[in-house]
Amino acid sequence: MYSRISTTLFRYLLNGARKMGLPEHELLLAAGIDRDDLNSPDGFLDSESYSLLYQKLIELSDDPFLGLHIGENFEFNSMGVFGLVMVNARNGREIYERMVRFQSILGTDIRSEFVEKDDLFEVRVFMTVMRNEQVDRHCIESILVKNIQGVRLIVGDDTKPVKVSFRFPKPESLSEYQRIFNCELEFDAEHNSIHLPKSILSMDNPMADGRLSQYFDELANELLKDMEFTESMSLKVSRLLLELLDDSDISLETIADKMAIGVRTLQRKLNEEGTSFKQIVADTKRAVAVKYLKENHMAISEIAYVLGFSQPSAFHRSFKRWTGQTPQKYREEIFSVSA
């Protein structure tokens, strides 16, 4: 897995789907995950699963403004520790400083920064991993809406941006953009960003609690440290695995050798991160298998070969252990639901 997304964002998407009356089972199936995978409040899943979940949500909702509407549902308490850190910031400046500082808590695919310009400040949003043009657009739109919704929750519902910029071309209909943002809109822009009055940065946050602020700040720092450990070792292992997936002899020893560290050192570091080589192999192969099964371009026997299984039967057993279904049953259900 090159990148990953917090289970907080998976739950946020599913809550939005529930409000739309969409079937959770179909969404989870499309993503290759189940509800139990989302139980850990501070857990992570591979970003490929998040992309698949979003694609299915786009399909089922048939909503060209899905990202905007998902963003409108924003509440601080729906964002776990990240949201609690934000809502207890002392003022507008601290809110955005914390957003940039702790954004990795929510995943590795999206980055934000804020830039001060005369009497304005600009919040820029970047996709660090481009998965799917449609999914990326809805993600960006959702994040920009969350930014203004968060400000409105703290300083007042009448707050509006000066301008919102999008890197993608101007869509046919601007009605929802105009309703939600109520400001100048710019398309084919240099950045995906939202421009706000600089006066917001000095506004006090009436919702802030000093003791809670310190507590959640410390907790967020601990989560950030944990994630930095995981990125430094688990993601390196995942990258190597993706390069070697078609090798049936992938082993801990092989990976340790390629990383130029001892086997016991690698085991210890993975254990410190709360994972194992076996778990990373399973997660990586599951994510790739789900991707190929959903794309429907490869026979199941070919997928088994690409994933390094010596026999299709071994792939069948592993996939059933990961998902509760055989590859054939999973593919049939995906396309019967889509039909």
Foldseek 3Di string as FASTA:
>chain_A
DLKKFFLLVVVLVVVLCVVVVHDPVLLCLQLLHDPVQSPDNQDIAHVLSVLSSLVVSCVVSVDLQQLQSSLVPDDLVSRPLLSLLLLQQFFQQRNQVSCQVLVCSGMDQKHWDWADDDQKIKIFMDGPDDDDPSSVVSNLNSVQLNVVVVLCVFPHVPFAFQEFEELADDDPDCVSVCVRRVYHYYYNDPTGITMHGNVRRPGTGPSHDVVSNVVSVVVSVVSVVLVVLCSVQVSLLLVVCLVCQLALPDDLCVSCVVVVHDSVVSQVSQVSSVHGSVRSLLSSLSSQLSVCLLVVPDDLQVSCNSRNHPGSVVVQVSSCVSRVHGSVVSSVVSVVVVD
